[in-house]
Amino acid sequence: MDYFDVLHKEFENESDRAAVILAASIADELLRSTLSARLVAVAGATDDLFDGANAPIGTFSARIELAFRIGLISSKFARDMHLIRRIRNEFAHNIQGCSFEDARVKSRVEELSNSHTMLMDAKGNKKKVSTRNQFLEAVSWMIWHLKELVTEIEAIHQESCEWGYQAPEPKKKAASATPKKQQAKSASKA
């Protein structure tokens, strides 16, 4: 499946703001799924690491950092995920018409686009596409990578109890002394 085509079709009728926020949300959710697949599973429907106001990895930024620190993603991938997060924040927090033509957004998208080779032709030249399509191309291959990573990742298995929690083995009763040894003990006492 070509995620660029899927995203392009999904977002072609959306505003720039909606396209960015939704694409970043998909990437964030896949990053959460990747981390969940790696960590020891929890029994309940909610996970205190991810869910709730004070969840330690409840934010996109924290998930990016943890995924990098435990070796799930490279430093370049983490940096680019942070760029996507910052672009999302520009669109989410600017009340007035933020667009891909905004200088700060355009600069971040160019930085994001220049860090990968997905828009290179066979001769190594960068294809000329709109800033919006540069963003969608970058997000699409990163989403594809995270989707694949979720299916390939090995979960950490829960450790069995440490030795301090184990009940001590019962002591074996010493074998009773043989009659000759008992006689020798009696003789020495006399």
C-alpha atoms as a PDB file:
ATOM      1  CA  MET A   1       0.000   0.000   0.000  1.00  0.00           C
ATOM      2  CA  ASP A   2       1.332   3.443  -0.904  1.00  0.00           C
ATOM      3  CA  TYR A   3       0.666   5.560   2.159  1.00  0.00           C
ATOM      4  CA  PHE A   4       1.346   8.762   0.240  1.00  0.00           C
ATOM      5  CA  ASP A   5      -1.574   7.950  -2.088  1.00  0.00           C
ATOM      6  CA  VAL A   6      -3.788   7.009   0.850  1.00  0.00           C
ATOM      7  CA  LEU A   7      -2.963  10.203   2.728  1.00  0.00           C
ATOM      8  CA  HIS A   8      -3.230  12.335  -0.394  1.00  0.00           C
ATOM      9  CA  LYS A   9      -6.690  10.919  -1.190  1.00  0.00           C
ATOM     10  CA  GLU A  10      -7.761  11.128   2.434  1.00  0.00           C
ATOM     11  CA  PHE A  11      -6.661  14.728   2.821  1.00  0.00           C
ATOM     12  CA  GLU A  12      -7.131  16.216  -0.659  1.00  0.00           C
ATOM     13  CA  ASN A  13     -10.419  17.856   0.362  1.00  0.00           C
ATOM     14  CA  GLU A  14      -9.200  18.835   3.825  1.00  0.00           C
ATOM     15  CA  SER A  15      -7.779  22.200   4.795  1.00  0.00           C
ATOM     16  CA  ASP A  16      -4.044  22.434   5.423  1.00  0.00           C
ATOM     17  CA  ARG A  17      -4.793  22.587   9.153  1.00  0.00           C
ATOM     18  CA  ALA A  18      -6.913  19.418   9.118  1.00  0.00           C
ATOM     19  CA  ALA A  19      -4.400  17.534   6.946  1.00  0.00           C
ATOM     20  CA  VAL A  20      -1.509  18.339   9.297  1.00  0.00           C
ATOM     21  CA  ILE A  21      -3.354  17.655  12.536  1.00  0.00           C
ATOM     22  CA  LEU A  22      -4.832  14.369  11.291  1.00  0.00           C
ATOM     23  CA  ALA A  23      -1.568  13.121   9.738  1.00  0.00           C
ATOM     24  CA  ALA A  24       0.374  13.966  12.913  1.00  0.00           C
ATOM     25  CA  SER A  25      -2.323  12.261  14.984  1.00  0.00           C
ATOM     26  CA  ILE A  26      -1.948   9.074  12.938  1.00  0.00           C
ATOM     27  CA  ALA A  27       1.843   9.180  13.415  1.00  0.00           C
ATOM     28  CA  ASP A  28       1.428   9.799  17.155  1.00  0.00           C
ATOM     29  CA  GLU A  29      -1.030   6.908  17.547  1.00  0.00           C
ATOM     30  CA  LEU A  30       1.273   4.553  15.615  1.00  0.00           C
ATOM     31  CA  LEU A  31       4.180   5.582  17.818  1.00  0.00           C
ATOM     32  CA  ARG A  32       2.040   4.760  20.856  1.00  0.00           C
ATOM     33  CA  SER A  33       1.184   1.368  19.313  1.00  0.00           C
ATOM     34  CA  THR A  34       4.868   0.724  18.645  1.00  0.00           C
ATOM     35  CA  LEU A  35       5.775   1.462  22.254  1.00  0.00           C
ATOM     36  CA  SER A  36       2.842  -0.603  23.555  1.00  0.00           C
ATOM     37  CA  ALA A  37       3.925  -3.536  21.407  1.00  0.00           C
ATOM     38  CA  ARG A  38       7.428  -3.344  22.913  1.00  0.00           C
ATOM     39  CA  LEU A  39       6.527  -2.900  26.580  1.00  0.00           C
ATOM     40  CA  VAL A  40       5.276  -5.538  29.004  1.00  0.00           C
ATOM     41  CA  ALA A  41       1.525  -5.836  28.441  1.00  0.00           C
ATOM     42  CA  VAL A  42      -0.934  -4.553  31.020  1.00  0.00           C
ATOM     43  CA  ALA A  43      -4.047  -6.471  32.024  1.00  0.00           C
ATOM     44  CA  GLY A  44      -6.586  -3.631  31.940  1.00  0.00           C
ATOM     45  CA  ALA A  45      -8.078  -1.545  29.163  1.00  0.00           C
ATOM     46  CA  THR A  46      -6.149   1.549  30.205  1.00  0.00           C
ATOM     47  CA  ASP A  47      -2.421   1.928  30.542  1.00  0.00           C
ATOM     48  CA  ASP A  48      -1.175   4.380  33.160  1.00  0.00           C
ATOM     49  CA  LEU A  49       1.960   5.039  31.123  1.00  0.00           C
ATOM     50  CA  PHE A  50      -0.092   6.408  28.211  1.00  0.00           C
ATOM     51  CA  ASP A  51      -3.495   7.386  29.589  1.00  0.00           C
ATOM     52  CA  GLY A  52      -4.455  10.210  31.905  1.00  0.00           C
ATOM     53  CA  ALA A  53      -3.366  13.757  32.589  1.00  0.00           C
ATOM     54  CA  ASN A  54      -0.139  12.753  34.334  1.00  0.00           C
ATOM     55  CA  ALA A  55       0.830   9.806  32.148  1.00  0.00           C
ATOM     56  CA  PRO A  56       4.635   9.750  31.769  1.00  0.00           C
ATOM     57  CA  ILE A  57       4.427   8.980  28.041  1.00  0.00           C
ATOM     58  CA  GLY A  58       1.082  10.570  27.341  1.00  0.00           C
ATOM     59  CA  THR A  59       2.424  13.172  24.923  1.00  0.00           C
ATOM     60  CA  PHE A  60       3.728  12.906  21.384  1.00  0.00           C
ATOM     61  CA  SER A  61       7.041  14.424  22.496  1.00  0.00           C
ATOM     62  CA  ALA A  62       7.540  11.934  25.349  1.00  0.00           C
ATOM     63  CA  ARG A  63       6.720   9.017  23.034  1.00  0.00           C
ATOM     64  CA  ILE A  64       9.242  10.196  20.471  1.00  0.00           C
ATOM     65  CA  GLU A  65      11.940  10.491  23.130  1.00  0.00           C
ATOM     66  CA  LEU A  66      11.223   7.093  24.682  1.00  0.00           C
ATOM     67  CA  ALA A  67      11.090   5.351  21.299  1.00  0.00           C
ATOM     68  CA  PHE A  68      14.506   6.818  20.495  1.00  0.00           C
ATOM     69  CA  ARG A  69      16.033   6.083  23.916  1.00  0.00           C
ATOM     70  CA  ILE A  70      15.031   2.408  23.869  1.00  0.00           C
ATOM     71  CA  GLY A  71      16.317   1.987  20.324  1.00  0.00           C
ATOM     72  CA  LEU A  72      13.064   1.667  18.381  1.00  0.00           C
ATOM     73  CA  ILE A  73      13.793   4.635  16.099  1.00  0.00           C
ATOM     74  CA  SER A  74      16.947   6.384  14.939  1.00  0.00           C
ATOM     75  CA  SER A  75      17.997   9.869  15.998  1.00  0.00           C
ATOM     76  CA  LYS A  76      17.074  11.180  12.513  1.00  0.00           C
ATOM     77  CA  PHE A  77      13.620   9.618  12.685  1.00  0.00           C
ATOM     78  CA  ALA A  78      13.136  11.098  16.174  1.00  0.00           C
ATOM     79  CA  ARG A  79      14.235  14.532  14.952  1.00  0.00           C
ATOM     80  CA  ASP A  80      11.819  14.332  12.020  1.00  0.00           C
ATOM     81  CA  MET A  81       8.981  13.204  14.285  1.00  0.00           C
ATOM     82  CA  HIS A  82       9.684  16.279  16.433  1.00  0.00           C
ATOM     83  CA  LEU A  83       9.492  18.419  13.276  1.00  0.00           C
ATOM     84  CA  ILE A  84       6.093  16.894  12.482  1.00  0.00           C
ATOM     85  CA  ARG A  85       5.024  17.584  16.074  1.00  0.00           C
ATOM     86  CA  ARG A  86       6.169  21.223  15.825  1.00  0.00           C
ATOM     87  CA  ILE A  87       4.384  21.682  12.489  1.00  0.00           C
ATOM     88  CA  ARG A  88       1.242  20.188  14.040  1.00  0.00           C
ATOM     89  CA  ASN A  89       1.565  22.604  16.962  1.00  0.00           C
ATOM     90  CA  GLU A  90       1.851  25.571  14.573  1.00  0.00           C
ATOM     91  CA  PHE A  91      -1.417  24.576  12.939  1.00  0.00           C
ATOM     92  CA  ALA A  92      -3.171  23.639  16.182  1.00  0.00           C
ATOM     93  CA  HIS A  93      -2.237  26.750  18.165  1.00  0.00           C
ATOM     94  CA  ASN A  94      -2.356  29.516  15.549  1.00  0.00           C
ATOM     95  CA  ILE A  95      -5.908  30.774  15.540  1.00  0.00           C
ATOM     96  CA  GLN A  96      -5.586  32.722  12.315  1.00  0.00           C
ATOM     97  CA  GLY A  97      -5.200  30.892   9.015  1.00  0.00           C
ATOM     98  CA  CYS A  98      -2.002  28.941   9.288  1.00  0.00           C
ATOM     99  CA  SER A  99      -0.989  27.383   5.975  1.00  0.00           C
ATOM    100  CA  PHE A 100       1.907  25.650   4.298  1.00  0.00           C
ATOM    101  CA  GLU A 101       2.894  29.045   2.889  1.00  0.00           C
ATOM    102  CA  ASP A 102       3.548  30.416   6.378  1.00  0.00           C
ATOM    103  CA  ALA A 103       7.315  31.080   6.605  1.00  0.00           C
ATOM    104  CA  ARG A 104       7.875  29.063   9.815  1.00  0.00           C
ATOM    105  CA  VAL A 105       5.830  26.114   8.564  1.00  0.00           C
ATOM    106  CA  LYS A 106       7.474  26.183   5.142  1.00  0.00           C
ATOM    107  CA  SER A 107      10.942  26.247   6.737  1.00  0.00           C
ATOM    108  CA  ARG A 108      10.161  23.239   8.960  1.00  0.00           C
ATOM    109  CA  VAL A 109       8.627  21.282   6.082  1.00  0.00           C
ATOM    110  CA  GLU A 110      11.707  21.970   3.939  1.00  0.00           C
ATOM    111  CA  GLU A 111      13.940  20.781   6.792  1.00  0.00           C
ATOM    112  CA  LEU A 112      11.790  17.659   7.097  1.00  0.00           C
ATOM    113  CA  SER A 113      11.812  17.075   3.345  1.00  0.00           C
ATOM    114  CA  ASN A 114      15.581  17.569   3.051  1.00  0.00           C
ATOM    115  CA  SER A 115      16.322  14.931   5.695  1.00  0.00           C
ATOM    116  CA  HIS A 116      15.048  11.971   3.638  1.00  0.00           C
ATOM    117  CA  THR A 117      15.393  10.784   0.067  1.00  0.00           C
ATOM    118  CA  MET A 118      11.777   9.922  -0.733  1.00  0.00           C
ATOM    119  CA  LEU A 119      11.424  12.832  -3.178  1.00  0.00           C
ATOM    120  CA  MET A 120      14.667  12.131  -5.043  1.00  0.00           C
ATOM    121  CA  ASP A 121      14.631  10.997  -8.644  1.00  0.00           C
ATOM    122  CA  ALA A 122      17.026   8.382 -10.035  1.00  0.00           C
ATOM    123  CA  LYS A 123      19.687  11.067 -10.580  1.00  0.00           C
ATOM    124  CA  GLY A 124      19.499  12.289  -6.975  1.00  0.00           C
ATOM    125  CA  ASN A 125      17.604  15.475  -7.810  1.00  0.00           C
ATOM    126  CA  LYS A 126      14.791  16.625  -5.557  1.00  0.00           C
ATOM    127  CA  LYS A 127      11.384  16.511  -7.236  1.00  0.00           C
ATOM    128  CA  LYS A 128       9.515  19.812  -7.280  1.00  0.00           C
ATOM    129  CA  VAL A 129       6.298  19.418  -5.298  1.00  0.00           C
ATOM    130  CA  SER A 130       4.212  21.738  -3.165  1.00  0.00           C
ATOM    131  CA  THR A 131       5.077  22.277   0.490  1.00  0.00           C
ATOM    132  CA  ARG A 132       1.877  20.455   1.415  1.00  0.00           C
ATOM    133  CA  ASN A 133       2.882  17.414  -0.657  1.00  0.00           C
ATOM    134  CA  GLN A 134       6.419  17.517   0.796  1.00  0.00           C
ATOM    135  CA  PHE A 135       4.853  17.258   4.239  1.00  0.00           C
ATOM    136  CA  LEU A 136       2.466  14.475   3.240  1.00  0.00           C
ATOM    137  CA  GLU A 137       5.264  12.523   1.533  1.00  0.00           C
ATOM    138  CA  ALA A 138       7.455  12.682   4.646  1.00  0.00           C
ATOM    139  CA  VAL A 139       4.630  11.744   6.993  1.00  0.00           C
ATOM    140  CA  SER A 140       3.441   8.939   4.710  1.00  0.00           C
ATOM    141  CA  TRP A 141       6.740   7.029   4.633  1.00  0.00           C
ATOM    142  CA  MET A 142       7.192   7.530   8.364  1.00  0.00           C
ATOM    143  CA  ILE A 143       3.685   6.216   9.024  1.00  0.00           C
ATOM    144  CA  TRP A 144       4.406   3.239   6.774  1.00  0.00           C
ATOM    145  CA  HIS A 145       7.613   2.548   8.723  1.00  0.00           C
ATOM    146  CA  LEU A 146       5.826   2.723  12.091  1.00  0.00           C
ATOM    147  CA  LYS A 147       3.029   0.435  10.851  1.00  0.00           C
ATOM    148  CA  GLU A 148       5.631  -2.128   9.802  1.00  0.00           C
ATOM    149  CA  LEU A 149       7.544  -1.722  13.063  1.00  0.00           C
ATOM    150  CA  VAL A 150       4.427  -2.484  15.124  1.00  0.00           C
ATOM    151  CA  THR A 151       4.033  -5.842  13.358  1.00  0.00           C
ATOM    152  CA  GLU A 152       7.715  -6.797  13.643  1.00  0.00           C
ATOM    153  CA  ILE A 153       8.543  -5.714  17.172  1.00  0.00           C
ATOM    154  CA  GLU A 154       9.222  -8.177  19.979  1.00  0.00           C
ATOM    155  CA  ALA A 155       7.565  -7.500  23.295  1.00  0.00           C
ATOM    156  CA  ILE A 156       9.523  -7.424  26.493  1.00  0.00           C
ATOM    157  CA  HIS A 157       8.383 -10.349  28.603  1.00  0.00           C
ATOM    158  CA  GLN A 158       7.490  -9.854  32.208  1.00  0.00           C
ATOM    159  CA  GLU A 159      10.279 -10.964  34.499  1.00  0.00           C
ATOM    160  CA  SER A 160       9.532 -13.700  37.001  1.00  0.00           C
ATOM    161  CA  CYS A 161       9.803 -12.755  40.652  1.00  0.00           C
ATOM    162  CA  GLU A 162      13.258 -11.902  41.918  1.00  0.00           C
ATOM    163  CA  TRP A 163      14.901 -14.269  44.404  1.00  0.00           C
ATOM    164  CA  GLY A 164      13.880 -12.142  47.392  1.00  0.00           C
ATOM    165  CA  TYR A 165      10.223 -12.869  46.668  1.00  0.00           C
ATOM    166  CA  GLN A 166      10.700 -16.621  46.378  1.00  0.00           C
ATOM    167  CA  ALA A 167       9.759 -18.799  49.337  1.00  0.00           C
ATOM    168  CA  PRO A 168      12.824 -20.545  50.741  1.00  0.00           C
ATOM    169  CA  GLU A 169      13.068 -24.233  50.046  1.00  0.00           C
ATOM    170  CA  PRO A 170      12.303 -26.340  53.139  1.00  0.00           C
ATOM    171  CA  LYS A 171      15.410 -27.730  54.807  1.00  0.00           C
ATOM    172  CA  LYS A 172      15.879 -31.418  54.349  1.00  0.00           C
ATOM    173  CA  LYS A 173      15.976 -33.403  57.566  1.00  0.00           C
ATOM    174  CA  ALA A 174      19.399 -34.737  58.290  1.00  0.00           C
ATOM    175  CA  ALA A 175      19.617 -38.489  57.860  1.00  0.00           C
ATOM    176  CA  SER A 176      19.519 -40.238  61.214  1.00  0.00           C
ATOM    177  CA  ALA A 177      22.838 -41.441  62.485  1.00  0.00           C
ATOM    178  CA  THR A 178      23.682 -45.052  61.925  1.00  0.00           C
ATOM    179  CA  PRO A 179      23.662 -47.388  64.960  1.00  0.00           C
ATOM    180  CA  LYS A 180      27.491 -47.615  65.001  1.00  0.00           C
ATOM    181  CA  LYS A 181      27.766 -43.828  65.165  1.00  0.00           C
ATOM    182  CA  GLN A 182      25.181 -43.725  67.957  1.00  0.00           C
ATOM    183  CA  GLN A 183      27.138 -46.373  69.888  1.00  0.00           C
ATOM    184  CA  ALA A 184      30.344 -44.430  69.430  1.00  0.00           C
ATOM    185  CA  LYS A 185      28.690 -41.281  70.767  1.00  0.00           C
ATOM    186  CA  SER A 186      27.324 -43.174  73.784  1.00  0.00           C
ATOM    187  CA  ALA A 187      30.740 -44.738  74.505  1.00  0.00           C
ATOM    188  CA  SER A 188      32.503 -41.402  74.419  1.00  0.00           C
ATOM    189  CA  LYS A 189      30.023 -39.897  76.872  1.00  0.00           C
ATOM    190  CA  ALA A 190      30.548 -42.740  79.352  1.00  0.00           C
END
